[in-house]
Each structure stands twice: as structure tokens, then as C-alpha cells.
């Protein structure tokens, strides 16, 4: 068994993202949503997620964009975000340990809460998210 280490490089980010989305794609709750939206564009989505998490966790500015708008109209609820976080934490715990891994969990928590609040706001108020 490989010894766990902290997230330090783009290779670590790729391992995190690939492992996480492997779990998401086969999850009975999240898989149909992600697979339905992303369809055959998984390589493009994964590459974007590498850049996003590289920017967030390694402070290497490779992602430029607005992460929320593509999620604004997803048919999701607290249950979906709870499952997303469960898979996120499990992936991190399987492969990594250290301060950046802890930060990844914290950031996942904050992102899930913010995305859910915004999705519910736009859904409840029949508004369109700004691009």
C-alpha cells in the first residue's frame, strides 16, 4: 500500500479529480445527473476540474472562469450535496493526508453550501444566474 501524502502537485490534483469523478460517475444518485449533463465531454470536464483545483489548492492560477453558472439549473438538493461531500471526503481520505487535504475538505464544504444556497435562491425566485 502506498503511503499517503499531502496534495502537492498537479499529479496529485489529477489523482484526486480522476478518483473522485470515477466515484461520482458510478454513484446511483449523482451519476445520472453528471453523466446526463456532461455526456461525452468527460475529458474536457476533467481538464477543467484539474485547473480549478490546482488554482484553489496549489495557488497556481490556471483556472479562469465562473464555476457556479453551469450548476445553476441542476435538479439537485441537500441530499445530492451530502452525497457529493461524502464521495469527496472518501476520495481525499483514501489518497491524501495533510494540511492541503484538510483545506480541500473545508473548501468542498464551503462550495457545497454556497452552491446549494444559490441554486435554491435562483430556483425559488425564478431568476437566472449571471454568467
N, C-alpha and C. Protein backbone atom coordinates (compact mmCIF):
# COMPACT_ATOMS: atom_id res chain seq x y z
N UNK A 1 0.85 -1.20 0.00
CA UNK A 1 0.00 0.00 0.00
C UNK A 1 0.89 1.25 0.00
N UNK A 2 0.51 2.20 -0.81
CA UNK A 2 1.28 3.43 -0.90
C UNK A 2 1.00 4.30 0.32
N UNK A 3 2.05 4.94 0.79
CA UNK A 3 1.89 5.86 1.91
C UNK A 3 1.19 7.12 1.45
N UNK A 4 0.27 7.61 2.25
CA UNK A 4 -0.44 8.84 1.91
C UNK A 4 0.46 10.04 2.14
N UNK A 5 0.25 11.05 1.33
CA UNK A 5 0.98 12.31 1.49
C UNK A 5 0.00 13.45 1.19
N UNK A 6 0.45 14.65 1.37
CA UNK A 6 -0.41 15.80 1.12
C UNK A 6 -0.49 16.07 -0.38
N UNK A 7 -1.42 16.91 -0.76
CA UNK A 7 -1.60 17.32 -2.15
C UNK A 7 -0.54 18.38 -2.44
N UNK A 8 0.37 18.06 -3.35
CA UNK A 8 1.50 18.96 -3.60
C UNK A 8 1.72 19.32 -5.06
N UNK A 9 1.13 18.58 -5.97
CA UNK A 9 1.48 18.75 -7.38
C UNK A 9 0.25 18.56 -8.27
N UNK A 10 0.41 18.88 -9.53
CA UNK A 10 -0.67 18.67 -10.49
C UNK A 10 -0.97 17.18 -10.61
N UNK A 11 0.02 16.32 -10.46
CA UNK A 11 -0.24 14.87 -10.49
C UNK A 11 -1.17 14.47 -9.35
N UNK A 12 -0.99 15.08 -8.18
CA UNK A 12 -1.88 14.82 -7.05
C UNK A 12 -3.29 15.31 -7.34
N UNK A 13 -3.40 16.48 -7.93
CA UNK A 13 -4.70 17.04 -8.30
C UNK A 13 -5.39 16.11 -9.30
N UNK A 14 -4.65 15.62 -10.29
CA UNK A 14 -5.24 14.72 -11.28
C UNK A 14 -5.72 13.43 -10.62
N UNK A 15 -4.95 12.88 -9.69
CA UNK A 15 -5.36 11.68 -8.97
C UNK A 15 -6.65 11.95 -8.19
N UNK A 16 -6.69 13.07 -7.49
CA UNK A 16 -7.87 13.45 -6.71
C UNK A 16 -9.09 13.58 -7.62
N UNK A 17 -8.98 14.36 -8.66
CA UNK A 17 -10.10 14.63 -9.55
C UNK A 17 -10.56 13.36 -10.26
N UNK A 18 -9.62 12.60 -10.81
CA UNK A 18 -9.99 11.38 -11.53
C UNK A 18 -10.67 10.37 -10.61
N UNK A 19 -10.11 10.17 -9.43
CA UNK A 19 -10.68 9.22 -8.48
C UNK A 19 -12.07 9.67 -8.02
N UNK A 20 -12.19 10.96 -7.72
CA UNK A 20 -13.46 11.49 -7.27
C UNK A 20 -14.54 11.32 -8.34
N UNK A 21 -14.25 11.72 -9.57
CA UNK A 21 -15.26 11.65 -10.62
C UNK A 21 -15.53 10.22 -11.06
N UNK A 22 -14.58 9.30 -10.88
CA UNK A 22 -14.88 7.88 -11.09
C UNK A 22 -15.99 7.46 -10.14
N UNK A 23 -15.90 7.91 -8.89
CA UNK A 23 -16.94 7.60 -7.89
C UNK A 23 -18.27 8.27 -8.24
N UNK A 24 -18.20 9.52 -8.64
CA UNK A 24 -19.41 10.27 -8.99
C UNK A 24 -20.13 9.61 -10.16
N UNK A 25 -19.39 9.24 -11.18
CA UNK A 25 -19.99 8.70 -12.40
C UNK A 25 -20.75 7.40 -12.15
N UNK A 26 -20.31 6.64 -11.16
CA UNK A 26 -20.96 5.35 -10.88
C UNK A 26 -21.92 5.41 -9.69
N UNK A 27 -22.02 6.57 -9.06
CA UNK A 27 -22.91 6.73 -7.92
C UNK A 27 -24.37 6.73 -8.39
N UNK A 28 -25.23 6.00 -7.67
CA UNK A 28 -26.62 5.87 -8.10
C UNK A 28 -27.39 7.19 -8.03
N UNK A 29 -27.01 8.09 -7.13
CA UNK A 29 -27.69 9.38 -7.01
C UNK A 29 -27.09 10.45 -7.93
N UNK A 30 -25.77 10.56 -7.91
CA UNK A 30 -25.10 11.63 -8.65
C UNK A 30 -24.77 11.26 -10.10
N UNK A 31 -24.50 10.01 -10.35
CA UNK A 31 -24.10 9.57 -11.69
C UNK A 31 -25.05 9.99 -12.78
N UNK A 32 -26.35 9.73 -12.63
CA UNK A 32 -27.27 10.11 -13.70
C UNK A 32 -27.28 11.61 -14.00
N UNK A 33 -27.11 12.42 -12.98
CA UNK A 33 -27.10 13.88 -13.18
C UNK A 33 -25.84 14.30 -13.93
N UNK A 34 -24.68 13.90 -13.40
CA UNK A 34 -23.41 14.28 -14.03
C UNK A 34 -23.28 13.70 -15.43
N UNK A 35 -23.57 12.41 -15.57
CA UNK A 35 -23.46 11.78 -16.89
C UNK A 35 -24.45 12.38 -17.88
N UNK A 36 -25.64 12.76 -17.41
CA UNK A 36 -26.63 13.36 -18.28
C UNK A 36 -26.22 14.73 -18.78
N UNK A 37 -25.60 15.51 -17.92
CA UNK A 37 -25.18 16.86 -18.30
C UNK A 37 -23.88 16.82 -19.11
N UNK A 38 -22.91 16.06 -18.64
CA UNK A 38 -21.58 16.07 -19.26
C UNK A 38 -21.54 15.20 -20.52
N UNK A 39 -22.29 14.12 -20.53
CA UNK A 39 -22.38 13.20 -21.66
C UNK A 39 -21.01 12.72 -22.09
N UNK A 40 -20.59 13.02 -23.31
CA UNK A 40 -19.30 12.53 -23.81
C UNK A 40 -18.17 13.55 -23.64
N UNK A 41 -18.41 14.57 -22.84
CA UNK A 41 -17.40 15.62 -22.66
C UNK A 41 -16.60 15.45 -21.37
N UNK A 42 -16.46 14.22 -20.88
CA UNK A 42 -15.73 13.98 -19.63
C UNK A 42 -14.27 14.44 -19.69
N UNK A 43 -13.54 14.17 -20.77
CA UNK A 43 -12.13 14.65 -20.78
C UNK A 43 -12.04 16.17 -20.62
N UNK A 44 -12.93 16.90 -21.27
CA UNK A 44 -12.95 18.36 -21.16
C UNK A 44 -13.30 18.79 -19.73
N UNK A 45 -14.30 18.12 -19.15
CA UNK A 45 -14.70 18.46 -17.78
C UNK A 45 -13.57 18.18 -16.80
N UNK A 46 -12.94 17.03 -16.93
CA UNK A 46 -11.86 16.68 -16.00
C UNK A 46 -10.70 17.66 -16.13
N UNK A 47 -10.36 18.05 -17.34
CA UNK A 47 -9.27 19.02 -17.53
C UNK A 47 -9.61 20.35 -16.85
N UNK A 48 -10.87 20.76 -16.95
CA UNK A 48 -11.30 22.00 -16.29
C UNK A 48 -11.21 21.85 -14.77
N UNK A 49 -11.58 20.68 -14.25
CA UNK A 49 -11.51 20.44 -12.81
C UNK A 49 -10.06 20.39 -12.32
N UNK A 50 -9.14 19.88 -13.14
CA UNK A 50 -7.72 19.92 -12.76
C UNK A 50 -7.29 21.37 -12.55
N UNK A 51 -7.64 22.22 -13.53
CA UNK A 51 -7.24 23.63 -13.44
C UNK A 51 -7.91 24.31 -12.25
N UNK A 52 -9.19 24.02 -12.02
CA UNK A 52 -9.90 24.63 -10.90
C UNK A 52 -9.23 24.28 -9.58
N UNK A 53 -9.03 22.99 -9.32
CA UNK A 53 -8.46 22.58 -8.03
C UNK A 53 -6.98 22.93 -7.91
N UNK A 54 -6.28 22.99 -9.03
CA UNK A 54 -4.88 23.45 -9.00
C UNK A 54 -4.84 24.91 -8.54
N UNK A 55 -5.75 25.71 -9.03
CA UNK A 55 -5.84 27.11 -8.63
C UNK A 55 -6.22 27.23 -7.17
N UNK A 56 -7.24 26.49 -6.75
CA UNK A 56 -7.77 26.59 -5.39
C UNK A 56 -6.79 26.05 -4.35
N UNK A 57 -6.22 24.88 -4.61
CA UNK A 57 -5.43 24.21 -3.58
C UNK A 57 -3.93 24.46 -3.66
N UNK A 58 -3.42 24.69 -4.87
CA UNK A 58 -1.97 24.88 -5.01
C UNK A 58 -1.59 26.33 -5.27
N UNK A 59 -2.59 27.20 -5.35
CA UNK A 59 -2.36 28.62 -5.59
C UNK A 59 -1.57 28.86 -6.87
N UNK A 60 -1.87 28.04 -7.88
CA UNK A 60 -1.27 28.21 -9.21
C UNK A 60 -2.41 28.61 -10.14
N UNK A 61 -2.40 29.84 -10.59
CA UNK A 61 -3.53 30.41 -11.33
C UNK A 61 -3.63 29.81 -12.74
N UNK A 62 -4.38 28.70 -12.85
CA UNK A 62 -4.58 28.05 -14.14
C UNK A 62 -6.05 28.01 -14.55
N UNK A 63 -6.95 28.32 -13.61
CA UNK A 63 -8.39 28.32 -13.90
C UNK A 63 -8.87 29.75 -13.98
N UNK A 64 -9.56 30.05 -15.07
CA UNK A 64 -10.18 31.35 -15.25
C UNK A 64 -11.62 31.09 -15.66
N UNK A 65 -12.52 31.48 -14.84
CA UNK A 65 -13.92 31.24 -15.18
C UNK A 65 -14.80 31.46 -13.98
N UNK A 66 -16.05 31.16 -14.17
CA UNK A 66 -17.06 31.29 -13.12
C UNK A 66 -17.64 29.90 -12.88
N UNK A 67 -17.30 29.28 -11.75
CA UNK A 67 -17.72 27.90 -11.56
C UNK A 67 -19.22 27.70 -11.31
N UNK A 68 -19.92 28.70 -10.83
CA UNK A 68 -21.32 28.46 -10.49
C UNK A 68 -22.30 28.36 -11.66
N UNK A 69 -22.29 29.25 -12.65
CA UNK A 69 -23.35 29.25 -13.67
C UNK A 69 -23.66 27.88 -14.30
N UNK A 70 -22.69 27.03 -14.60
CA UNK A 70 -23.06 25.73 -15.19
C UNK A 70 -23.89 24.85 -14.24
N UNK A 71 -23.85 25.16 -12.96
CA UNK A 71 -24.57 24.36 -11.97
C UNK A 71 -25.93 24.96 -11.60
N UNK A 72 -26.21 26.17 -12.05
CA UNK A 72 -27.35 26.94 -11.56
C UNK A 72 -28.69 26.23 -11.72
N UNK A 73 -28.87 25.47 -12.78
CA UNK A 73 -30.18 24.86 -13.03
C UNK A 73 -30.19 23.35 -12.83
N UNK A 74 -29.20 22.84 -12.14
CA UNK A 74 -29.18 21.40 -11.90
C UNK A 74 -30.31 20.99 -10.96
N UNK A 75 -30.91 19.83 -11.19
CA UNK A 75 -32.00 19.35 -10.34
C UNK A 75 -31.44 18.67 -9.09
N UNK A 76 -30.89 19.47 -8.19
CA UNK A 76 -30.22 18.93 -7.01
C UNK A 76 -30.76 19.55 -5.73
N UNK A 77 -30.54 18.82 -4.64
CA UNK A 77 -31.00 19.25 -3.32
C UNK A 77 -29.89 18.97 -2.30
N UNK A 78 -30.21 19.19 -1.04
CA UNK A 78 -29.26 18.91 0.04
C UNK A 78 -28.75 17.48 -0.03
N UNK A 79 -29.61 16.54 -0.35
CA UNK A 79 -29.23 15.13 -0.44
C UNK A 79 -28.10 14.93 -1.44
N UNK A 80 -28.16 15.61 -2.56
CA UNK A 80 -27.12 15.48 -3.59
C UNK A 80 -25.78 16.05 -3.10
N UNK A 81 -25.86 17.20 -2.43
CA UNK A 81 -24.63 17.80 -1.92
C UNK A 81 -24.04 16.98 -0.79
N UNK A 82 -24.89 16.38 0.04
CA UNK A 82 -24.38 15.49 1.09
C UNK A 82 -23.64 14.30 0.49
N UNK A 83 -24.19 13.74 -0.58
CA UNK A 83 -23.53 12.61 -1.24
C UNK A 83 -22.24 13.06 -1.92
N UNK A 84 -22.27 14.22 -2.55
CA UNK A 84 -21.07 14.78 -3.18
C UNK A 84 -19.96 14.91 -2.14
N UNK A 85 -20.31 15.47 -0.98
CA UNK A 85 -19.31 15.64 0.09
C UNK A 85 -18.82 14.30 0.63
N UNK A 86 -19.72 13.34 0.75
CA UNK A 86 -19.32 12.01 1.22
C UNK A 86 -18.27 11.41 0.28
N UNK A 87 -18.51 11.50 -1.03
CA UNK A 87 -17.55 10.98 -2.00
C UNK A 87 -16.26 11.79 -2.01
N UNK A 88 -16.36 13.11 -1.86
CA UNK A 88 -15.20 14.00 -1.83
C UNK A 88 -14.29 13.65 -0.66
N UNK A 89 -14.90 13.54 0.52
CA UNK A 89 -14.13 13.18 1.72
C UNK A 89 -13.51 11.80 1.59
N UNK A 90 -14.27 10.84 1.10
CA UNK A 90 -13.75 9.47 0.95
C UNK A 90 -12.57 9.43 0.00
N UNK A 91 -12.66 10.18 -1.09
CA UNK A 91 -11.56 10.22 -2.05
C UNK A 91 -10.32 10.85 -1.42
N UNK A 92 -10.51 11.95 -0.74
CA UNK A 92 -9.38 12.60 -0.07
C UNK A 92 -8.77 11.66 0.98
N UNK A 93 -9.60 11.02 1.79
CA UNK A 93 -9.09 10.14 2.85
C UNK A 93 -8.38 8.91 2.29
N UNK A 94 -8.80 8.45 1.13
CA UNK A 94 -8.16 7.29 0.51
C UNK A 94 -6.75 7.60 0.04
N UNK A 95 -6.55 8.79 -0.50
CA UNK A 95 -5.29 9.10 -1.17
C UNK A 95 -4.36 10.07 -0.45
N UNK A 96 -4.90 10.91 0.42
CA UNK A 96 -4.09 12.02 0.94
C UNK A 96 -4.27 12.23 2.44
N UNK A 97 -3.27 12.89 3.01
CA UNK A 97 -3.36 13.40 4.37
C UNK A 97 -2.45 14.62 4.45
N UNK A 98 -2.83 15.57 5.28
CA UNK A 98 -2.02 16.77 5.44
C UNK A 98 -2.87 18.02 5.39
N UNK A 99 -2.20 19.15 5.49
CA UNK A 99 -2.90 20.44 5.57
C UNK A 99 -3.69 20.78 4.31
N UNK A 100 -3.13 20.52 3.15
CA UNK A 100 -3.86 20.87 1.92
C UNK A 100 -5.05 19.92 1.74
N UNK A 101 -4.90 18.67 2.13
CA UNK A 101 -6.03 17.73 2.08
C UNK A 101 -7.15 18.21 3.01
N UNK A 102 -6.78 18.70 4.19
CA UNK A 102 -7.78 19.26 5.11
C UNK A 102 -8.44 20.49 4.48
N UNK A 103 -7.64 21.33 3.84
CA UNK A 103 -8.20 22.51 3.19
C UNK A 103 -9.15 22.11 2.07
N UNK A 104 -8.83 21.04 1.35
CA UNK A 104 -9.71 20.57 0.28
C UNK A 104 -11.07 20.18 0.84
N UNK A 105 -11.08 19.56 2.01
CA UNK A 105 -12.36 19.21 2.65
C UNK A 105 -13.12 20.48 3.04
N UNK A 106 -12.41 21.42 3.65
CA UNK A 106 -13.03 22.68 4.06
C UNK A 106 -13.61 23.41 2.86
N UNK A 107 -12.83 23.48 1.80
CA UNK A 107 -13.29 24.17 0.59
C UNK A 107 -14.48 23.45 -0.04
N UNK A 108 -14.46 22.13 -0.02
CA UNK A 108 -15.60 21.36 -0.51
C UNK A 108 -16.86 21.67 0.27
N UNK A 109 -16.73 21.73 1.60
CA UNK A 109 -17.87 22.07 2.46
C UNK A 109 -18.42 23.45 2.10
N UNK A 110 -17.54 24.42 1.99
CA UNK A 110 -17.97 25.80 1.71
C UNK A 110 -18.60 25.90 0.32
N UNK A 111 -18.00 25.23 -0.64
CA UNK A 111 -18.51 25.28 -2.01
C UNK A 111 -19.90 24.63 -2.08
N UNK A 112 -20.07 23.49 -1.42
CA UNK A 112 -21.36 22.81 -1.43
C UNK A 112 -22.44 23.70 -0.81
N UNK A 113 -22.14 24.30 0.32
CA UNK A 113 -23.12 25.17 0.98
C UNK A 113 -23.48 26.37 0.11
N UNK A 114 -22.47 26.98 -0.50
CA UNK A 114 -22.71 28.16 -1.33
C UNK A 114 -23.47 27.79 -2.60
N UNK A 115 -23.08 26.70 -3.26
CA UNK A 115 -23.77 26.29 -4.48
C UNK A 115 -25.23 25.95 -4.18
N UNK A 116 -25.48 25.20 -3.10
CA UNK A 116 -26.85 24.84 -2.77
C UNK A 116 -27.68 26.09 -2.48
N UNK A 117 -27.14 27.01 -1.70
CA UNK A 117 -27.88 28.23 -1.38
C UNK A 117 -28.21 29.02 -2.66
N UNK A 118 -27.26 29.12 -3.56
CA UNK A 118 -27.50 29.87 -4.79
C UNK A 118 -28.49 29.14 -5.71
N UNK A 119 -28.35 27.82 -5.82
CA UNK A 119 -29.29 27.05 -6.65
C UNK A 119 -30.71 27.22 -6.12
N UNK A 120 -30.88 27.09 -4.81
CA UNK A 120 -32.21 27.24 -4.22
C UNK A 120 -32.74 28.66 -4.40
N UNK A 121 -31.89 29.64 -4.28
CA UNK A 121 -32.31 31.03 -4.47
C UNK A 121 -32.83 31.24 -5.89
N UNK A 122 -32.05 30.82 -6.88
CA UNK A 122 -32.46 31.02 -8.27
C UNK A 122 -33.70 30.21 -8.60
N UNK A 123 -33.81 29.00 -8.05
CA UNK A 123 -34.98 28.15 -8.28
C UNK A 123 -36.22 28.76 -7.63
N UNK A 124 -36.08 29.19 -6.38
CA UNK A 124 -37.23 29.71 -5.64
C UNK A 124 -37.69 31.08 -6.13
N UNK A 125 -36.80 31.83 -6.71
CA UNK A 125 -37.12 33.19 -7.15
C UNK A 125 -37.23 33.31 -8.67
N UNK A 126 -37.19 32.16 -9.34
CA UNK A 126 -37.29 32.13 -10.80
C UNK A 126 -36.36 33.16 -11.44
N UNK A 127 -35.13 33.12 -11.00
CA UNK A 127 -34.12 34.04 -11.52
C UNK A 127 -33.11 33.25 -12.36
N UNK A 128 -32.36 33.98 -13.16
CA UNK A 128 -31.31 33.38 -13.96
C UNK A 128 -29.97 33.81 -13.40
N UNK A 129 -29.07 32.85 -13.24
CA UNK A 129 -27.74 33.16 -12.72
C UNK A 129 -26.98 34.01 -13.72
N UNK A 130 -26.23 34.96 -13.22
CA UNK A 130 -25.38 35.78 -14.08
C UNK A 130 -24.22 34.93 -14.58
N UNK A 131 -23.87 35.14 -15.82
CA UNK A 131 -22.75 34.39 -16.41
C UNK A 131 -21.46 35.12 -16.14
